[in-house]
Amino acid sequence: MARLQALDPAVAEGKTKALFDGVQKKLGVVPNLLRTLGASPAALESYLSFSQALNGAGLDARTREAIALTVAGVNACDYCASAHTAIGGSLGMAEDQLAENLQGRSSDPGTAAVLTFAAAVTRKRGLVSDEDLAELRRAGFDDAAAVEIVATVALNLLTNYVNHVAQTEIDFPRVETGAESAAA
């Protein structure tokens, strides 16, 4: 059972209602995570703005979803694993690819380098080594990509942590990260 209440969009007011209306128009639904963030219009607006800004960055949508899955796997966030598996699937990502990404892996060398770096940023709380960054650069990624990976990790840390605190009810087909992911 959720520890923080997910707001019903039908009774939302003011800024939260306007933000929920925008999400509803775009997605056709207001997911429970966003309903939970709606307790603070500032937090909801910040999340939506940050997410929208990253949509215009250099990392494509599939790479951002792969990062989101890796962060969910490292942090054992079943809500985000479920949501980003569904979103990735809607982008045409194969089930085996999504499962690999949840474990921080990819058969594509470039994506694998991104996910290795994203997992290091997550596990090391940003205190990555010179070698971690050098590996990313050897894979062909520049400083802008490194910053965008960190930003994508940060956005997903927010949602992982809100879901952990709230124990948000999963409203996507359920995907479990497994306890070994959190310990890795």
C-alpha atoms as a PDB file:
ATOM      1  CA  MET A   1       0.000   0.000   0.000  1.00  0.00           C
ATOM      2  CA  ALA A   2       1.271   3.451  -0.911  1.00  0.00           C
ATOM      3  CA  ARG A   3       2.675   5.550   1.930  1.00  0.00           C
ATOM      4  CA  LEU A   4       2.125   8.846   0.110  1.00  0.00           C
ATOM      5  CA  GLN A   5      -1.235   9.502  -1.476  1.00  0.00           C
ATOM      6  CA  ALA A   6      -1.476   9.629  -5.257  1.00  0.00           C
ATOM      7  CA  LEU A   7      -3.787  12.527  -6.078  1.00  0.00           C
ATOM      8  CA  ASP A   8      -6.892  11.896  -8.141  1.00  0.00           C
ATOM      9  CA  PRO A   9      -6.666  14.149 -11.215  1.00  0.00           C
ATOM     10  CA  ALA A  10     -10.448  14.643 -11.046  1.00  0.00           C
ATOM     11  CA  VAL A  11     -10.114  16.573  -7.781  1.00  0.00           C
ATOM     12  CA  ALA A  12      -6.786  18.316  -8.443  1.00  0.00           C
ATOM     13  CA  GLU A  13      -6.825  22.104  -8.385  1.00  0.00           C
ATOM     14  CA  GLY A  14      -4.725  25.038  -9.530  1.00  0.00           C
ATOM     15  CA  LYS A  15      -1.261  24.400 -10.915  1.00  0.00           C
ATOM     16  CA  THR A  16      -1.454  20.656 -10.197  1.00  0.00           C
ATOM     17  CA  LYS A  17      -4.666  20.390 -12.221  1.00  0.00           C
ATOM     18  CA  ALA A  18      -3.121  22.267 -15.141  1.00  0.00           C
ATOM     19  CA  LEU A  19      -0.046  20.003 -15.058  1.00  0.00           C
ATOM     20  CA  PHE A  20      -2.179  16.858 -14.790  1.00  0.00           C
ATOM     21  CA  ASP A  21      -4.304  18.072 -17.726  1.00  0.00           C
ATOM     22  CA  GLY A  22      -1.143  18.461 -19.831  1.00  0.00           C
ATOM     23  CA  VAL A  23       0.051  14.962 -18.917  1.00  0.00           C
ATOM     24  CA  GLN A  24      -3.403  13.499 -19.621  1.00  0.00           C
ATOM     25  CA  LYS A  25      -3.453  15.175 -23.033  1.00  0.00           C
ATOM     26  CA  LYS A  26       0.031  13.904 -23.901  1.00  0.00           C
ATOM     27  CA  LEU A  27      -0.121  10.375 -22.446  1.00  0.00           C
ATOM     28  CA  GLY A  28      -3.845   9.676 -22.202  1.00  0.00           C
ATOM     29  CA  VAL A  29      -3.368   8.906 -18.496  1.00  0.00           C
ATOM     30  CA  VAL A  30      -1.741  10.401 -15.407  1.00  0.00           C
ATOM     31  CA  PRO A  31       0.560   7.665 -14.011  1.00  0.00           C
ATOM     32  CA  ASN A  32       0.640   7.100 -10.258  1.00  0.00           C
ATOM     33  CA  LEU A  33       4.176   8.482  -9.968  1.00  0.00           C
ATOM     34  CA  LEU A  34       3.008  11.830 -11.362  1.00  0.00           C
ATOM     35  CA  ARG A  35      -0.093  11.709  -9.177  1.00  0.00           C
ATOM     36  CA  THR A  36       2.232  11.281  -6.199  1.00  0.00           C
ATOM     37  CA  LEU A  37       4.526  14.113  -7.320  1.00  0.00           C
ATOM     38  CA  GLY A  38       1.368  16.230  -7.650  1.00  0.00           C
ATOM     39  CA  ALA A  39       1.317  16.646  -3.853  1.00  0.00           C
ATOM     40  CA  SER A  40       3.912  19.324  -4.580  1.00  0.00           C
ATOM     41  CA  PRO A  41       3.116  21.323  -7.719  1.00  0.00           C
ATOM     42  CA  ALA A  42       6.707  22.589  -7.686  1.00  0.00           C
ATOM     43  CA  ALA A  43       8.120  19.039  -7.638  1.00  0.00           C
ATOM     44  CA  LEU A  44       5.742  17.906 -10.395  1.00  0.00           C
ATOM     45  CA  GLU A  45       6.512  20.925 -12.560  1.00  0.00           C
ATOM     46  CA  SER A  46      10.256  20.498 -11.989  1.00  0.00           C
ATOM     47  CA  TYR A  47      10.125  16.836 -12.978  1.00  0.00           C
ATOM     48  CA  LEU A  48       8.074  17.542 -16.112  1.00  0.00           C
ATOM     49  CA  SER A  49      10.292  20.465 -17.144  1.00  0.00           C
ATOM     50  CA  PHE A  50      13.502  18.516 -16.556  1.00  0.00           C
ATOM     51  CA  SER A  51      12.150  15.554 -18.503  1.00  0.00           C
ATOM     52  CA  GLN A  52      11.024  17.771 -21.383  1.00  0.00           C
ATOM     53  CA  ALA A  53      14.395  19.526 -21.530  1.00  0.00           C
ATOM     54  CA  LEU A  54      16.210  16.183 -21.804  1.00  0.00           C
ATOM     55  CA  ASN A  55      13.910  15.219 -24.689  1.00  0.00           C
ATOM     56  CA  GLY A  56      15.679  17.923 -26.711  1.00  0.00           C
ATOM     57  CA  ALA A  57      19.185  16.790 -25.745  1.00  0.00           C
ATOM     58  CA  GLY A  58      21.659  14.726 -27.756  1.00  0.00           C
ATOM     59  CA  LEU A  59      20.723  11.352 -26.254  1.00  0.00           C
ATOM     60  CA  ASP A  60      17.870   9.718 -28.143  1.00  0.00           C
ATOM     61  CA  ALA A  61      14.730   8.400 -26.460  1.00  0.00           C
ATOM     62  CA  ARG A  62      15.839   4.749 -26.533  1.00  0.00           C
ATOM     63  CA  THR A  63      19.162   5.596 -24.874  1.00  0.00           C
ATOM     64  CA  ARG A  64      17.382   7.617 -22.180  1.00  0.00           C
ATOM     65  CA  GLU A  65      15.033   4.669 -21.551  1.00  0.00           C
ATOM     66  CA  ALA A  66      18.017   2.306 -21.359  1.00  0.00           C
ATOM     67  CA  ILE A  67      19.609   4.603 -18.766  1.00  0.00           C
ATOM     68  CA  ALA A  68      16.325   4.792 -16.836  1.00  0.00           C
ATOM     69  CA  LEU A  69      16.186   1.002 -16.736  1.00  0.00           C
ATOM     70  CA  THR A  70      19.795   0.722 -15.595  1.00  0.00           C
ATOM     71  CA  VAL A  71      19.223   3.237 -12.787  1.00  0.00           C
ATOM     72  CA  ALA A  72      16.023   1.408 -11.778  1.00  0.00           C
ATOM     73  CA  GLY A  73      17.960  -1.850 -11.694  1.00  0.00           C
ATOM     74  CA  VAL A  74      20.799  -0.449  -9.580  1.00  0.00           C
ATOM     75  CA  ASN A  75      18.283   1.119  -7.180  1.00  0.00           C
ATOM     76  CA  ALA A  76      15.835  -1.810  -7.204  1.00  0.00           C
ATOM     77  CA  CYS A  77      12.933   0.445  -8.184  1.00  0.00           C
ATOM     78  CA  ASP A  78      10.200  -1.857  -9.465  1.00  0.00           C
ATOM     79  CA  TYR A  79       7.900   1.055 -10.341  1.00  0.00           C
ATOM     80  CA  CYS A  80      10.494   2.619 -12.657  1.00  0.00           C
ATOM     81  CA  ALA A  81      11.516  -0.780 -14.040  1.00  0.00           C
ATOM     82  CA  SER A  82       7.864  -1.381 -14.914  1.00  0.00           C
ATOM     83  CA  ALA A  83       7.226   2.089 -16.337  1.00  0.00           C
ATOM     84  CA  HIS A  84      10.398   2.261 -18.428  1.00  0.00           C
ATOM     85  CA  THR A  85       9.979  -1.291 -19.716  1.00  0.00           C
ATOM     86  CA  ALA A  86       6.533  -0.263 -20.965  1.00  0.00           C
ATOM     87  CA  ILE A  87       7.820   3.004 -22.428  1.00  0.00           C
ATOM     88  CA  GLY A  88      10.804   1.279 -24.038  1.00  0.00           C
ATOM     89  CA  GLY A  89       8.490  -1.318 -25.532  1.00  0.00           C
ATOM     90  CA  SER A  90       6.347   1.454 -27.001  1.00  0.00           C
ATOM     91  CA  LEU A  91       9.529   2.785 -28.651  1.00  0.00           C
ATOM     92  CA  GLY A  92      10.084  -0.579 -30.331  1.00  0.00           C
ATOM     93  CA  MET A  93      12.757  -1.880 -27.963  1.00  0.00           C
ATOM     94  CA  ALA A  94      12.773  -5.693 -27.789  1.00  0.00           C
ATOM     95  CA  GLU A  95      11.979  -7.499 -24.529  1.00  0.00           C
ATOM     96  CA  ASP A  96      15.450  -9.049 -24.308  1.00  0.00           C
ATOM     97  CA  GLN A  97      17.027  -5.616 -24.852  1.00  0.00           C
ATOM     98  CA  LEU A  98      14.884  -4.107 -22.082  1.00  0.00           C
ATOM     99  CA  ALA A  99      15.832  -6.930 -19.701  1.00  0.00           C
ATOM    100  CA  GLU A 100      19.528  -6.433 -20.529  1.00  0.00           C
ATOM    101  CA  ASN A 101      19.252  -2.687 -19.948  1.00  0.00           C
ATOM    102  CA  LEU A 102      17.657  -3.304 -16.541  1.00  0.00           C
ATOM    103  CA  GLN A 103      20.860  -5.181 -15.665  1.00  0.00           C
ATOM    104  CA  GLY A 104      23.016  -2.333 -17.019  1.00  0.00           C
ATOM    105  CA  ARG A 105      24.011  -4.248 -20.140  1.00  0.00           C
ATOM    106  CA  SER A 106      23.554  -3.915 -23.886  1.00  0.00           C
ATOM    107  CA  SER A 107      24.741  -5.887 -26.905  1.00  0.00           C
ATOM    108  CA  ASP A 108      25.381  -2.556 -28.663  1.00  0.00           C
ATOM    109  CA  PRO A 109      28.892  -1.359 -27.690  1.00  0.00           C
ATOM    110  CA  GLY A 110      27.961   2.347 -27.580  1.00  0.00           C
ATOM    111  CA  THR A 111      24.890   1.751 -25.457  1.00  0.00           C
ATOM    112  CA  ALA A 112      26.893  -0.606 -23.232  1.00  0.00           C
ATOM    113  CA  ALA A 113      29.429   2.180 -22.595  1.00  0.00           C
ATOM    114  CA  VAL A 114      26.633   4.618 -21.724  1.00  0.00           C
ATOM    115  CA  LEU A 115      25.000   2.139 -19.353  1.00  0.00           C
ATOM    116  CA  THR A 116      28.285   1.236 -17.680  1.00  0.00           C
ATOM    117  CA  PHE A 117      28.903   4.927 -17.034  1.00  0.00           C
ATOM    118  CA  ALA A 118      25.307   5.522 -15.859  1.00  0.00           C
ATOM    119  CA  ALA A 119      25.561   2.576 -13.454  1.00  0.00           C
ATOM    120  CA  ALA A 120      28.878   3.906 -12.130  1.00  0.00           C
ATOM    121  CA  VAL A 121      27.387   7.369 -11.607  1.00  0.00           C
ATOM    122  CA  THR A 122      24.467   5.804  -9.740  1.00  0.00           C
ATOM    123  CA  ARG A 123      26.451   3.375  -7.598  1.00  0.00           C
ATOM    124  CA  LYS A 124      29.237   5.846  -6.823  1.00  0.00           C
ATOM    125  CA  ARG A 125      26.839   8.763  -6.228  1.00  0.00           C
ATOM    126  CA  GLY A 126      28.592  10.743  -8.948  1.00  0.00           C
ATOM    127  CA  LEU A 127      32.087  10.125  -7.595  1.00  0.00           C
ATOM    128  CA  VAL A 128      33.218   8.308 -10.733  1.00  0.00           C
ATOM    129  CA  SER A 129      36.882   7.612 -11.398  1.00  0.00           C
ATOM    130  CA  ASP A 130      39.023   9.075 -14.162  1.00  0.00           C
ATOM    131  CA  GLU A 131      38.935   5.594 -15.721  1.00  0.00           C
ATOM    132  CA  ASP A 132      35.101   5.523 -15.686  1.00  0.00           C
ATOM    133  CA  LEU A 133      35.081   8.756 -17.699  1.00  0.00           C
ATOM    134  CA  ALA A 134      37.945   7.606 -19.935  1.00  0.00           C
ATOM    135  CA  GLU A 135      36.010   4.443 -20.846  1.00  0.00           C
ATOM    136  CA  LEU A 136      33.048   6.567 -21.920  1.00  0.00           C
ATOM    137  CA  ARG A 137      35.308   8.792 -23.999  1.00  0.00           C
ATOM    138  CA  ARG A 138      37.022   5.786 -25.622  1.00  0.00           C
ATOM    139  CA  ALA A 139      33.567   4.693 -26.763  1.00  0.00           C
ATOM    140  CA  GLY A 140      33.244   8.004 -28.638  1.00  0.00           C
ATOM    141  CA  PHE A 141      31.262  10.120 -26.197  1.00  0.00           C
ATOM    142  CA  ASP A 142      32.151  13.740 -25.463  1.00  0.00           C
ATOM    143  CA  ASP A 143      31.651  15.991 -22.438  1.00  0.00           C
ATOM    144  CA  ALA A 144      28.140  16.966 -23.543  1.00  0.00           C
ATOM    145  CA  ALA A 145      27.118  13.303 -23.612  1.00  0.00           C
ATOM    146  CA  ALA A 146      28.683  12.715 -20.179  1.00  0.00           C
ATOM    147  CA  VAL A 147      26.715  15.624 -18.726  1.00  0.00           C
ATOM    148  CA  GLU A 148      23.473  14.426 -20.376  1.00  0.00           C
ATOM    149  CA  ILE A 149      24.009  10.919 -18.988  1.00  0.00           C
ATOM    150  CA  VAL A 150      24.497  12.376 -15.499  1.00  0.00           C
ATOM    151  CA  ALA A 151      21.390  14.540 -15.950  1.00  0.00           C
ATOM    152  CA  THR A 152      19.357  11.517 -17.066  1.00  0.00           C
ATOM    153  CA  VAL A 153      20.619   9.547 -14.067  1.00  0.00           C
ATOM    154  CA  ALA A 154      19.656  12.455 -11.776  1.00  0.00           C
ATOM    155  CA  LEU A 155      16.129  12.656 -13.192  1.00  0.00           C
ATOM    156  CA  ASN A 156      15.707   8.945 -12.631  1.00  0.00           C
ATOM    157  CA  LEU A 157      17.144   9.098  -9.117  1.00  0.00           C
ATOM    158  CA  LEU A 158      14.358  11.543  -8.293  1.00  0.00           C
ATOM    159  CA  THR A 159      11.675   9.155  -9.479  1.00  0.00           C
ATOM    160  CA  ASN A 160      13.340   6.098  -7.899  1.00  0.00           C
ATOM    161  CA  TYR A 161      13.567   7.848  -4.554  1.00  0.00           C
ATOM    162  CA  VAL A 162      10.021   9.223  -4.649  1.00  0.00           C
ATOM    163  CA  ASN A 163       8.768   5.729  -5.467  1.00  0.00           C
ATOM    164  CA  HIS A 164      10.783   4.196  -2.632  1.00  0.00           C
ATOM    165  CA  VAL A 165       9.511   6.732  -0.108  1.00  0.00           C
ATOM    166  CA  ALA A 166       5.925   6.617  -1.383  1.00  0.00           C
ATOM    167  CA  GLN A 167       5.790   2.900  -2.182  1.00  0.00           C
ATOM    168  CA  THR A 168       3.936   4.007  -5.302  1.00  0.00           C
ATOM    169  CA  GLU A 169       1.374   1.523  -6.580  1.00  0.00           C
ATOM    170  CA  ILE A 170       2.608   0.159  -9.919  1.00  0.00           C
ATOM    171  CA  ASP A 171       0.167   0.992 -12.695  1.00  0.00           C
ATOM    172  CA  PHE A 172       2.129  -0.596 -15.569  1.00  0.00           C
ATOM    173  CA  PRO A 173       2.694  -4.277 -16.338  1.00  0.00           C
ATOM    174  CA  ARG A 174       4.851  -5.306 -13.390  1.00  0.00           C
ATOM    175  CA  VAL A 175       8.592  -5.815 -13.808  1.00  0.00           C
ATOM    176  CA  GLU A 176      10.661  -6.717 -10.764  1.00  0.00           C
ATOM    177  CA  THR A 177      14.291  -5.735 -10.463  1.00  0.00           C
ATOM    178  CA  GLY A 178      15.210  -8.423  -7.960  1.00  0.00           C
ATOM    179  CA  ALA A 179      17.229  -7.902  -4.794  1.00  0.00           C
ATOM    180  CA  GLU A 180      20.509  -8.789  -6.511  1.00  0.00           C
ATOM    181  CA  SER A 181      20.205  -5.651  -8.665  1.00  0.00           C
ATOM    182  CA  ALA A 182      20.294  -3.359  -5.651  1.00  0.00           C
ATOM    183  CA  ALA A 183      23.359  -5.072  -4.237  1.00  0.00           C
ATOM    184  CA  ALA A 184      25.319  -5.087  -7.511  1.00  0.00           C
END
